[in-house]
N, C-alpha and C. Protein backbone atom coordinates (compact mmCIF):
# COMPACT_ATOMS: atom_id res chain seq x y z
N MET A 1 4.24 -11.41 -15.63
CA MET A 1 3.54 -10.21 -15.20
C MET A 1 3.91 -9.89 -13.75
N ARG A 2 4.24 -8.66 -13.52
CA ARG A 2 4.52 -8.16 -12.18
C ARG A 2 3.39 -7.19 -11.84
N LEU A 3 2.49 -7.64 -11.01
CA LEU A 3 1.24 -6.92 -10.74
C LEU A 3 1.27 -6.32 -9.34
N ALA A 4 0.95 -5.04 -9.24
CA ALA A 4 0.82 -4.38 -7.94
C ALA A 4 -0.64 -4.01 -7.71
N ILE A 5 -1.13 -4.32 -6.53
CA ILE A 5 -2.50 -3.97 -6.15
C ILE A 5 -2.42 -2.94 -5.04
N THR A 6 -2.89 -1.73 -5.31
CA THR A 6 -2.81 -0.66 -4.34
C THR A 6 -4.21 -0.31 -3.81
N GLY A 7 -4.23 0.36 -2.68
CA GLY A 7 -5.50 0.78 -2.10
C GLY A 7 -5.33 1.04 -0.62
N ALA A 8 -6.28 1.73 -0.06
CA ALA A 8 -6.25 2.06 1.36
C ALA A 8 -6.49 0.80 2.20
N TYR A 9 -6.27 0.93 3.51
CA TYR A 9 -6.52 -0.15 4.44
C TYR A 9 -7.96 -0.65 4.25
N GLY A 10 -8.12 -1.97 4.18
CA GLY A 10 -9.45 -2.56 4.11
C GLY A 10 -10.13 -2.48 2.75
N SER A 11 -9.36 -2.19 1.69
CA SER A 11 -9.97 -2.09 0.37
C SER A 11 -10.07 -3.43 -0.35
N GLY A 12 -9.47 -4.47 0.21
CA GLY A 12 -9.55 -5.80 -0.39
C GLY A 12 -8.29 -6.23 -1.12
N LYS A 13 -7.16 -5.59 -0.84
CA LYS A 13 -5.92 -5.92 -1.54
C LYS A 13 -5.50 -7.37 -1.33
N SER A 14 -5.50 -7.82 -0.09
CA SER A 14 -5.02 -9.18 0.20
C SER A 14 -5.91 -10.22 -0.45
N THR A 15 -7.21 -10.03 -0.37
CA THR A 15 -8.14 -10.97 -0.99
C THR A 15 -7.94 -11.02 -2.49
N LEU A 16 -7.80 -9.86 -3.12
CA LEU A 16 -7.61 -9.82 -4.57
C LEU A 16 -6.24 -10.37 -4.96
N ALA A 17 -5.22 -10.11 -4.17
CA ALA A 17 -3.88 -10.63 -4.48
C ALA A 17 -3.89 -12.16 -4.50
N LYS A 18 -4.55 -12.76 -3.52
CA LYS A 18 -4.64 -14.23 -3.50
C LYS A 18 -5.40 -14.76 -4.71
N ALA A 19 -6.52 -14.10 -5.03
CA ALA A 19 -7.33 -14.54 -6.17
C ALA A 19 -6.58 -14.33 -7.49
N ALA A 20 -5.86 -13.22 -7.61
CA ALA A 20 -5.09 -12.95 -8.83
C ALA A 20 -3.96 -13.96 -8.99
N ALA A 21 -3.33 -14.32 -7.88
CA ALA A 21 -2.25 -15.31 -7.94
C ALA A 21 -2.76 -16.63 -8.50
N GLU A 22 -3.93 -17.05 -8.03
CA GLU A 22 -4.53 -18.30 -8.52
C GLU A 22 -4.94 -18.18 -9.98
N ARG A 23 -5.60 -17.09 -10.32
CA ARG A 23 -6.14 -16.91 -11.67
C ARG A 23 -5.04 -16.78 -12.72
N PHE A 24 -3.96 -16.05 -12.41
CA PHE A 24 -2.95 -15.75 -13.41
C PHE A 24 -1.64 -16.50 -13.21
N GLY A 25 -1.60 -17.41 -12.24
CA GLY A 25 -0.39 -18.20 -12.00
C GLY A 25 0.77 -17.37 -11.48
N LEU A 26 0.47 -16.47 -10.55
CA LEU A 26 1.50 -15.59 -10.01
C LEU A 26 1.88 -16.01 -8.60
N GLN A 27 3.07 -15.64 -8.20
CA GLN A 27 3.51 -15.88 -6.83
C GLN A 27 2.95 -14.76 -5.95
N ALA A 28 2.40 -15.14 -4.82
CA ALA A 28 1.86 -14.15 -3.88
C ALA A 28 2.19 -14.60 -2.48
N GLU A 29 3.13 -13.93 -1.87
CA GLU A 29 3.48 -14.23 -0.47
C GLU A 29 3.02 -13.06 0.37
N ALA A 30 1.97 -13.26 1.13
CA ALA A 30 1.44 -12.18 1.95
C ALA A 30 2.41 -11.83 3.06
N LEU A 31 2.59 -10.56 3.26
CA LEU A 31 3.38 -10.10 4.40
C LEU A 31 2.53 -10.21 5.66
N PRO A 32 3.16 -10.43 6.79
CA PRO A 32 2.37 -10.45 8.02
C PRO A 32 1.80 -9.06 8.27
N PRO A 33 0.75 -8.97 9.07
CA PRO A 33 0.20 -7.65 9.38
C PRO A 33 1.29 -6.75 9.96
N MET A 34 1.11 -5.45 9.77
CA MET A 34 2.12 -4.51 10.28
C MET A 34 2.21 -4.62 11.79
N GLN A 35 3.33 -5.14 12.25
CA GLN A 35 3.54 -5.35 13.68
C GLN A 35 4.76 -4.58 14.16
N ASP A 36 4.85 -4.42 15.42
CA ASP A 36 5.98 -3.72 16.05
C ASP A 36 7.29 -4.44 15.74
N PRO A 37 8.29 -3.71 15.21
CA PRO A 37 9.55 -4.36 14.84
C PRO A 37 10.36 -4.86 16.02
N PHE A 38 10.00 -4.49 17.22
CA PHE A 38 10.78 -4.90 18.38
C PHE A 38 10.22 -6.14 19.06
N GLY A 39 9.24 -6.78 18.46
CA GLY A 39 8.81 -8.08 18.94
C GLY A 39 7.69 -8.12 19.95
N SER A 40 7.11 -7.00 20.31
CA SER A 40 6.02 -7.05 21.29
C SER A 40 4.68 -7.32 20.64
N ARG A 41 4.68 -7.39 19.30
CA ARG A 41 3.49 -7.75 18.51
C ARG A 41 2.35 -6.75 18.66
N LYS A 42 2.66 -5.52 18.99
CA LYS A 42 1.60 -4.51 19.00
C LYS A 42 1.39 -3.99 17.58
N ALA A 43 0.23 -3.48 17.31
CA ALA A 43 -0.08 -2.99 15.97
C ALA A 43 0.75 -1.76 15.64
N ALA A 44 0.92 -1.50 14.34
CA ALA A 44 1.68 -0.34 13.90
C ALA A 44 1.10 0.95 14.46
N THR A 45 -0.20 0.99 14.65
CA THR A 45 -0.83 2.21 15.18
C THR A 45 -0.40 2.50 16.61
N GLY A 46 0.21 1.53 17.30
CA GLY A 46 0.69 1.73 18.66
C GLY A 46 2.18 1.93 18.75
N CYS A 47 2.88 1.97 17.60
CA CYS A 47 4.34 2.13 17.61
C CYS A 47 4.72 3.58 17.88
N SER A 48 5.88 3.76 18.48
CA SER A 48 6.46 5.10 18.59
C SER A 48 6.91 5.52 17.19
N PRO A 49 7.15 6.82 16.96
CA PRO A 49 7.62 7.25 15.64
C PRO A 49 8.89 6.52 15.19
N ALA A 50 9.85 6.34 16.08
CA ALA A 50 11.09 5.64 15.71
C ALA A 50 10.81 4.19 15.34
N GLN A 51 9.94 3.53 16.10
CA GLN A 51 9.58 2.15 15.79
C GLN A 51 8.86 2.07 14.45
N LEU A 52 8.02 3.06 14.18
CA LEU A 52 7.28 3.07 12.92
C LEU A 52 8.22 3.21 11.72
N VAL A 53 9.21 4.06 11.84
CA VAL A 53 10.18 4.23 10.76
C VAL A 53 10.97 2.93 10.56
N GLU A 54 11.38 2.31 11.65
CA GLU A 54 12.09 1.03 11.52
C GLU A 54 11.19 -0.01 10.87
N LEU A 55 9.94 -0.02 11.25
CA LEU A 55 8.98 -0.96 10.68
C LEU A 55 8.85 -0.77 9.18
N VAL A 56 8.79 0.47 8.72
CA VAL A 56 8.69 0.74 7.28
C VAL A 56 9.91 0.20 6.56
N VAL A 57 11.09 0.43 7.10
CA VAL A 57 12.31 -0.07 6.46
C VAL A 57 12.30 -1.59 6.39
N ARG A 58 11.91 -2.23 7.49
CA ARG A 58 11.84 -3.69 7.51
C ARG A 58 10.84 -4.20 6.47
N ARG A 59 9.70 -3.52 6.37
CA ARG A 59 8.68 -3.94 5.39
C ARG A 59 9.19 -3.77 3.96
N LEU A 60 9.93 -2.71 3.70
CA LEU A 60 10.48 -2.51 2.36
C LEU A 60 11.44 -3.64 2.01
N ILE A 61 12.25 -4.05 2.98
CA ILE A 61 13.18 -5.16 2.75
C ILE A 61 12.40 -6.45 2.48
N GLU A 62 11.37 -6.71 3.30
CA GLU A 62 10.57 -7.92 3.12
C GLU A 62 9.87 -7.93 1.76
N ARG A 63 9.28 -6.81 1.39
CA ARG A 63 8.59 -6.74 0.10
C ARG A 63 9.57 -6.95 -1.05
N SER A 64 10.72 -6.31 -0.98
CA SER A 64 11.70 -6.44 -2.05
C SER A 64 12.15 -7.89 -2.22
N ALA A 65 12.32 -8.59 -1.10
CA ALA A 65 12.73 -9.99 -1.17
C ALA A 65 11.66 -10.86 -1.81
N ARG A 66 10.40 -10.55 -1.56
CA ARG A 66 9.30 -11.36 -2.10
C ARG A 66 8.98 -11.03 -3.55
N GLU A 67 9.26 -9.80 -3.96
CA GLU A 67 8.93 -9.37 -5.31
C GLU A 67 10.14 -9.59 -6.23
N SER A 68 10.40 -10.86 -6.55
CA SER A 68 11.52 -11.18 -7.42
C SER A 68 11.04 -12.08 -8.54
N GLY A 69 11.76 -12.05 -9.65
CA GLY A 69 11.35 -12.82 -10.81
C GLY A 69 10.36 -12.02 -11.65
N ASP A 70 9.63 -12.74 -12.51
CA ASP A 70 8.74 -12.07 -13.46
C ASP A 70 7.26 -12.39 -13.27
N LEU A 71 6.93 -13.27 -12.31
CA LEU A 71 5.54 -13.67 -12.14
C LEU A 71 5.12 -13.54 -10.68
N TRP A 72 4.69 -12.35 -10.27
CA TRP A 72 4.28 -12.17 -8.89
C TRP A 72 3.25 -11.05 -8.79
N VAL A 73 2.57 -11.06 -7.66
CA VAL A 73 1.60 -10.01 -7.36
C VAL A 73 1.97 -9.41 -6.01
N SER A 74 1.95 -8.09 -5.95
CA SER A 74 2.29 -7.37 -4.72
C SER A 74 1.01 -6.90 -4.05
N ASP A 75 0.84 -7.30 -2.81
CA ASP A 75 -0.30 -6.87 -2.00
C ASP A 75 0.06 -5.52 -1.39
N GLY A 76 -0.07 -4.45 -2.18
CA GLY A 76 0.18 -3.11 -1.68
C GLY A 76 1.22 -2.31 -2.44
N SER A 77 2.27 -2.91 -2.91
CA SER A 77 3.38 -2.24 -3.59
C SER A 77 4.35 -1.64 -2.57
N LEU A 78 5.51 -1.26 -3.06
CA LEU A 78 6.54 -0.72 -2.17
C LEU A 78 6.12 0.59 -1.50
N VAL A 79 5.22 1.33 -2.12
CA VAL A 79 4.83 2.62 -1.56
C VAL A 79 3.79 2.50 -0.44
N HIS A 80 3.14 1.36 -0.35
CA HIS A 80 2.01 1.20 0.56
C HIS A 80 2.36 1.45 2.02
N ASP A 81 3.41 0.81 2.51
CA ASP A 81 3.76 0.93 3.93
C ASP A 81 4.25 2.35 4.25
N TRP A 82 4.95 2.96 3.29
CA TRP A 82 5.41 4.33 3.48
C TRP A 82 4.21 5.27 3.65
N VAL A 83 3.20 5.11 2.81
CA VAL A 83 2.01 5.96 2.89
C VAL A 83 1.27 5.73 4.21
N PHE A 84 1.19 4.48 4.63
CA PHE A 84 0.52 4.18 5.90
C PHE A 84 1.22 4.90 7.04
N ALA A 85 2.56 4.82 7.06
CA ALA A 85 3.32 5.47 8.13
C ALA A 85 3.20 6.99 8.05
N LYS A 86 3.24 7.54 6.86
CA LYS A 86 3.09 8.99 6.70
C LYS A 86 1.75 9.45 7.25
N THR A 87 0.69 8.75 6.89
CA THR A 87 -0.65 9.12 7.35
C THR A 87 -0.72 9.04 8.87
N LEU A 88 -0.15 7.99 9.43
CA LEU A 88 -0.18 7.81 10.88
C LEU A 88 0.61 8.90 11.60
N LEU A 89 1.78 9.24 11.08
CA LEU A 89 2.61 10.26 11.72
C LEU A 89 1.99 11.65 11.62
N LEU A 90 1.35 11.94 10.49
CA LEU A 90 0.77 13.26 10.31
C LEU A 90 -0.58 13.43 10.99
N HIS A 91 -1.38 12.37 11.01
CA HIS A 91 -2.77 12.53 11.43
C HIS A 91 -3.20 11.63 12.57
N GLY A 92 -2.43 10.60 12.89
CA GLY A 92 -2.89 9.62 13.86
C GLY A 92 -3.85 8.65 13.20
N ALA A 93 -4.29 7.66 13.95
CA ALA A 93 -5.18 6.63 13.39
C ALA A 93 -6.58 7.17 13.12
N ASP A 94 -6.91 8.33 13.72
CA ASP A 94 -8.23 8.93 13.51
C ASP A 94 -8.07 10.42 13.22
N PRO A 95 -7.94 10.79 11.94
CA PRO A 95 -7.77 12.20 11.60
C PRO A 95 -8.90 13.10 12.08
N ASP A 96 -10.09 12.55 12.32
CA ASP A 96 -11.18 13.37 12.84
C ASP A 96 -10.86 13.92 14.22
N ALA A 97 -10.04 13.17 14.96
CA ALA A 97 -9.68 13.61 16.31
C ALA A 97 -8.67 14.76 16.28
N ALA A 98 -7.82 14.77 15.26
CA ALA A 98 -6.83 15.84 15.09
C ALA A 98 -6.62 16.04 13.59
N PRO A 99 -7.53 16.74 12.93
CA PRO A 99 -7.55 16.74 11.47
C PRO A 99 -6.39 17.44 10.78
N ARG A 100 -5.64 18.29 11.48
CA ARG A 100 -4.54 19.00 10.83
C ARG A 100 -3.20 18.36 11.16
N PRO A 101 -2.32 18.25 10.16
CA PRO A 101 -0.98 17.72 10.46
C PRO A 101 -0.28 18.58 11.49
N THR A 102 0.41 17.93 12.41
CA THR A 102 1.14 18.67 13.44
C THR A 102 2.54 19.01 12.94
N ILE A 103 3.14 20.02 13.56
CA ILE A 103 4.52 20.38 13.20
C ILE A 103 5.45 19.21 13.48
N ALA A 104 5.25 18.54 14.61
CA ALA A 104 6.08 17.38 14.95
C ALA A 104 5.91 16.28 13.91
N GLY A 105 4.67 16.04 13.48
CA GLY A 105 4.43 15.02 12.48
C GLY A 105 5.10 15.34 11.16
N ARG A 106 5.01 16.60 10.75
CA ARG A 106 5.69 17.00 9.50
C ARG A 106 7.20 16.81 9.62
N GLY A 107 7.75 17.16 10.79
CA GLY A 107 9.18 17.00 11.00
C GLY A 107 9.61 15.54 10.90
N LEU A 108 8.82 14.66 11.47
CA LEU A 108 9.14 13.23 11.41
C LEU A 108 9.06 12.71 9.98
N VAL A 109 8.03 13.11 9.26
CA VAL A 109 7.88 12.65 7.88
C VAL A 109 9.02 13.19 7.03
N ASN A 110 9.29 14.49 7.14
CA ASN A 110 10.33 15.10 6.31
C ASN A 110 11.73 14.65 6.72
N GLY A 111 11.95 14.47 8.01
CA GLY A 111 13.29 14.12 8.47
C GLY A 111 13.61 12.65 8.46
N LEU A 112 12.64 11.83 8.86
CA LEU A 112 12.91 10.40 8.99
C LEU A 112 12.43 9.57 7.80
N LEU A 113 11.29 9.92 7.23
CA LEU A 113 10.74 9.09 6.16
C LEU A 113 11.16 9.54 4.77
N GLU A 114 11.50 10.80 4.61
CA GLU A 114 11.79 11.32 3.27
C GLU A 114 12.89 10.56 2.54
N PRO A 115 14.01 10.19 3.19
CA PRO A 115 15.02 9.43 2.44
C PRO A 115 14.48 8.11 1.88
N SER A 116 13.67 7.39 2.65
CA SER A 116 13.11 6.14 2.12
C SER A 116 12.10 6.43 1.02
N ARG A 117 11.40 7.55 1.12
CA ARG A 117 10.44 7.93 0.08
C ARG A 117 11.16 8.13 -1.25
N ARG A 118 12.26 8.83 -1.24
CA ARG A 118 13.01 9.06 -2.48
C ARG A 118 13.51 7.75 -3.07
N ALA A 119 14.02 6.88 -2.22
CA ALA A 119 14.53 5.59 -2.69
C ALA A 119 13.40 4.74 -3.28
N VAL A 120 12.26 4.72 -2.61
CA VAL A 120 11.13 3.93 -3.10
C VAL A 120 10.64 4.49 -4.42
N ARG A 121 10.47 5.81 -4.48
CA ARG A 121 9.91 6.41 -5.69
C ARG A 121 10.80 6.13 -6.90
N SER A 122 12.12 6.16 -6.71
CA SER A 122 13.03 5.97 -7.84
C SER A 122 12.93 4.55 -8.42
N SER A 123 12.46 3.60 -7.62
CA SER A 123 12.40 2.22 -8.11
C SER A 123 11.00 1.79 -8.56
N LEU A 124 10.01 2.63 -8.36
CA LEU A 124 8.63 2.20 -8.65
C LEU A 124 8.33 2.06 -10.12
N HIS A 125 8.78 3.00 -10.93
CA HIS A 125 8.33 3.04 -12.32
C HIS A 125 8.67 1.78 -13.10
N ASP A 126 9.84 1.22 -12.88
CA ASP A 126 10.27 0.03 -13.62
C ASP A 126 9.98 -1.27 -12.89
N ARG A 127 9.37 -1.20 -11.74
CA ARG A 127 9.20 -2.39 -10.92
C ARG A 127 7.97 -3.20 -11.30
N TYR A 128 6.90 -2.53 -11.71
CA TYR A 128 5.62 -3.19 -11.96
C TYR A 128 5.21 -3.07 -13.42
N ASP A 129 4.65 -4.17 -13.95
CA ASP A 129 4.11 -4.15 -15.31
C ASP A 129 2.69 -3.60 -15.33
N VAL A 130 1.93 -3.98 -14.32
CA VAL A 130 0.53 -3.55 -14.22
C VAL A 130 0.29 -3.09 -12.78
N VAL A 131 -0.30 -1.91 -12.63
CA VAL A 131 -0.66 -1.39 -11.31
C VAL A 131 -2.16 -1.14 -11.31
N VAL A 132 -2.85 -1.79 -10.38
CA VAL A 132 -4.30 -1.55 -10.26
C VAL A 132 -4.57 -0.94 -8.89
N HIS A 133 -5.63 -0.16 -8.84
CA HIS A 133 -6.00 0.50 -7.59
C HIS A 133 -7.41 0.11 -7.20
N LEU A 134 -7.57 -0.20 -5.92
CA LEU A 134 -8.89 -0.52 -5.37
C LEU A 134 -9.38 0.70 -4.59
N PRO A 135 -10.42 1.35 -5.07
CA PRO A 135 -10.93 2.50 -4.32
C PRO A 135 -11.65 2.03 -3.06
N ILE A 136 -11.94 2.95 -2.19
CA ILE A 136 -12.70 2.61 -0.98
C ILE A 136 -14.16 2.43 -1.39
N GLU A 137 -14.58 1.19 -1.50
CA GLU A 137 -15.96 0.88 -1.89
C GLU A 137 -16.78 0.36 -0.72
N PHE A 138 -16.10 -0.25 0.24
CA PHE A 138 -16.81 -0.95 1.31
C PHE A 138 -16.30 -0.47 2.67
N ALA A 139 -17.18 -0.47 3.64
CA ALA A 139 -16.77 -0.14 5.01
C ALA A 139 -15.92 -1.27 5.57
N MET A 140 -15.08 -0.95 6.55
CA MET A 140 -14.28 -1.98 7.20
C MET A 140 -15.19 -2.92 7.98
N THR A 141 -14.81 -4.18 8.03
CA THR A 141 -15.68 -5.19 8.65
C THR A 141 -15.27 -5.58 10.06
N GLU A 142 -14.06 -5.18 10.51
CA GLU A 142 -13.65 -5.55 11.86
C GLU A 142 -14.56 -4.89 12.90
N PRO A 143 -14.80 -5.59 14.00
CA PRO A 143 -15.62 -4.98 15.07
C PRO A 143 -14.99 -3.70 15.61
N ALA A 144 -13.65 -3.67 15.72
CA ALA A 144 -12.95 -2.48 16.19
C ALA A 144 -11.79 -2.21 15.24
N PRO A 145 -12.05 -1.57 14.11
CA PRO A 145 -10.98 -1.32 13.12
C PRO A 145 -9.84 -0.50 13.74
N PRO A 146 -8.59 -0.78 13.32
CA PRO A 146 -7.45 -0.06 13.89
C PRO A 146 -7.32 1.38 13.42
N VAL A 147 -7.99 1.72 12.32
CA VAL A 147 -7.95 3.09 11.80
C VAL A 147 -9.38 3.53 11.47
N SER A 148 -9.56 4.83 11.35
CA SER A 148 -10.88 5.38 11.04
C SER A 148 -11.10 5.48 9.53
N GLU A 149 -12.34 5.75 9.15
CA GLU A 149 -12.64 5.97 7.74
C GLU A 149 -11.91 7.22 7.24
N SER A 150 -11.75 8.21 8.10
CA SER A 150 -11.00 9.42 7.71
C SER A 150 -9.54 9.08 7.40
N PHE A 151 -8.97 8.16 8.19
CA PHE A 151 -7.60 7.72 7.94
C PHE A 151 -7.52 7.08 6.56
N ARG A 152 -8.48 6.23 6.24
CA ARG A 152 -8.48 5.57 4.93
C ARG A 152 -8.55 6.60 3.81
N THR A 153 -9.41 7.59 3.96
CA THR A 153 -9.55 8.61 2.94
C THR A 153 -8.26 9.40 2.77
N ARG A 154 -7.67 9.79 3.89
CA ARG A 154 -6.43 10.56 3.84
C ARG A 154 -5.31 9.74 3.20
N SER A 155 -5.17 8.48 3.59
CA SER A 155 -4.10 7.65 3.02
C SER A 155 -4.34 7.40 1.53
N GLU A 156 -5.59 7.34 1.12
CA GLU A 156 -5.92 7.19 -0.30
C GLU A 156 -5.39 8.40 -1.09
N GLU A 157 -5.53 9.58 -0.51
CA GLU A 157 -5.03 10.80 -1.16
C GLU A 157 -3.51 10.77 -1.28
N TYR A 158 -2.84 10.39 -0.20
CA TYR A 158 -1.38 10.32 -0.22
C TYR A 158 -0.89 9.25 -1.20
N LEU A 159 -1.59 8.13 -1.27
CA LEU A 159 -1.20 7.06 -2.17
C LEU A 159 -1.28 7.53 -3.62
N ALA A 160 -2.37 8.19 -3.98
CA ALA A 160 -2.53 8.70 -5.34
C ALA A 160 -1.41 9.69 -5.67
N GLU A 161 -1.08 10.53 -4.71
CA GLU A 161 -0.01 11.52 -4.90
C GLU A 161 1.33 10.85 -5.14
N GLU A 162 1.67 9.85 -4.33
CA GLU A 162 2.96 9.17 -4.47
C GLU A 162 3.06 8.41 -5.79
N LEU A 163 2.00 7.74 -6.19
CA LEU A 163 2.03 7.00 -7.44
C LEU A 163 2.18 7.95 -8.62
N ALA A 164 1.49 9.08 -8.56
CA ALA A 164 1.60 10.07 -9.64
C ALA A 164 3.02 10.64 -9.71
N LEU A 165 3.61 10.94 -8.56
CA LEU A 165 4.98 11.47 -8.54
C LEU A 165 5.98 10.46 -9.09
N ALA A 166 5.66 9.17 -8.97
CA ALA A 166 6.53 8.12 -9.50
C ALA A 166 6.27 7.87 -10.98
N GLY A 167 5.30 8.59 -11.55
CA GLY A 167 4.98 8.41 -12.96
C GLY A 167 4.08 7.23 -13.25
N LEU A 168 3.43 6.71 -12.23
CA LEU A 168 2.52 5.57 -12.41
C LEU A 168 1.08 6.05 -12.47
N ARG A 169 0.32 5.46 -13.38
CA ARG A 169 -1.10 5.76 -13.49
C ARG A 169 -1.87 4.46 -13.32
N PRO A 170 -2.18 4.10 -12.10
CA PRO A 170 -2.87 2.81 -11.89
C PRO A 170 -4.26 2.82 -12.50
N LYS A 171 -4.68 1.66 -12.91
CA LYS A 171 -6.04 1.47 -13.41
C LYS A 171 -6.93 1.10 -12.23
N THR A 172 -8.03 1.78 -12.10
CA THR A 172 -8.95 1.49 -11.01
C THR A 172 -9.83 0.30 -11.37
N VAL A 173 -9.92 -0.67 -10.47
CA VAL A 173 -10.80 -1.81 -10.66
C VAL A 173 -11.80 -1.83 -9.51
N THR A 174 -13.03 -2.17 -9.81
CA THR A 174 -14.10 -2.08 -8.82
C THR A 174 -14.96 -3.33 -8.83
N GLY A 175 -15.86 -3.39 -7.85
CA GLY A 175 -16.84 -4.47 -7.78
C GLY A 175 -16.39 -5.65 -6.96
N SER A 176 -17.00 -6.79 -7.23
CA SER A 176 -16.67 -8.02 -6.51
C SER A 176 -15.28 -8.50 -6.90
N VAL A 177 -14.79 -9.51 -6.19
CA VAL A 177 -13.48 -10.06 -6.52
C VAL A 177 -13.46 -10.54 -7.97
N GLU A 178 -14.51 -11.22 -8.37
CA GLU A 178 -14.58 -11.71 -9.76
C GLU A 178 -14.61 -10.57 -10.76
N ASP A 179 -15.36 -9.52 -10.45
CA ASP A 179 -15.38 -8.34 -11.32
C ASP A 179 -13.98 -7.75 -11.46
N ARG A 180 -13.30 -7.64 -10.34
CA ARG A 180 -11.96 -7.07 -10.35
C ARG A 180 -10.99 -7.93 -11.14
N LEU A 181 -11.10 -9.25 -11.00
CA LEU A 181 -10.23 -10.16 -11.76
C LEU A 181 -10.46 -10.02 -13.26
N GLU A 182 -11.71 -9.87 -13.66
CA GLU A 182 -12.02 -9.70 -15.08
C GLU A 182 -11.41 -8.40 -15.62
N GLN A 183 -11.47 -7.37 -14.82
CA GLN A 183 -10.89 -6.09 -15.24
C GLN A 183 -9.37 -6.19 -15.34
N ILE A 184 -8.75 -6.93 -14.44
CA ILE A 184 -7.30 -7.14 -14.51
C ILE A 184 -6.96 -7.96 -15.75
N ALA A 185 -7.76 -8.99 -16.03
CA ALA A 185 -7.52 -9.83 -17.20
C ALA A 185 -7.53 -9.00 -18.48
N ALA A 186 -8.43 -8.02 -18.54
CA ALA A 186 -8.48 -7.15 -19.71
C ALA A 186 -7.22 -6.29 -19.81
N LEU A 187 -6.69 -5.87 -18.66
CA LEU A 187 -5.47 -5.07 -18.68
C LEU A 187 -4.26 -5.89 -19.09
N VAL A 188 -4.24 -7.14 -18.69
CA VAL A 188 -3.12 -8.02 -19.02
C VAL A 188 -3.03 -8.25 -20.52
N ALA A 189 -4.17 -8.21 -21.19
CA ALA A 189 -4.19 -8.41 -22.64
C ALA A 189 -3.64 -7.20 -23.39
N VAL A 190 -3.53 -6.05 -22.71
CA VAL A 190 -3.00 -4.84 -23.30
C VAL A 190 -1.47 -4.90 -23.25
N PRO A 191 -0.75 -4.38 -24.24
CA PRO A 191 0.71 -4.37 -24.15
C PRO A 191 1.17 -3.72 -22.85
N THR A 192 2.23 -4.27 -22.28
CA THR A 192 2.71 -3.83 -20.95
C THR A 192 2.96 -2.33 -20.89
N ALA A 193 3.48 -1.75 -21.96
CA ALA A 193 3.83 -0.34 -21.93
C ALA A 193 2.64 0.58 -21.68
N THR A 194 1.43 0.15 -22.06
CA THR A 194 0.26 1.00 -21.85
C THR A 194 -0.62 0.52 -20.72
N ALA A 195 -0.27 -0.60 -20.09
CA ALA A 195 -1.13 -1.14 -19.04
C ALA A 195 -0.92 -0.45 -17.70
N ALA A 196 0.26 0.04 -17.43
CA ALA A 196 0.53 0.64 -16.12
C ALA A 196 0.25 2.12 -16.09
């Protein structure tokens, strides 16, 4: 089983990926948090646009290397980092502060990110056997979250759009970690062709 867990920042992807790996005997190698590709270890929200694009490419390479074989779980999927960068470039970490996409942001997304978007989308449909989505059910728990709730909502919209364009229809799983695992177990029992 090749399982992808999608969802906005703070939806519980990493926690569920670890639990799913244990429950279903899957490989799960967590990627490090999104950090500056030039080594200063600043968060992705503090990267320049060029650094952010490089970071997305590096993350795609890292994810591809980890998602090999037939038994693994992806904490986010290949589209996740692209959507995060798109949301950040268009809206910033807090869309409430500047709710409309800027012309510069659109130019960066269309000019710099679009080629990677096409490449990612073309490989998504055959990459995963089961795709589950974690909706925003819980508030972020960090004392100073790196993104706002509006950012999470906006990225959730972009994520749904990208998955649909790739022909994927993820199954939404909700509740506690155990509830989510039970819902995934039910999907695994379904033939692969109808599970994703």
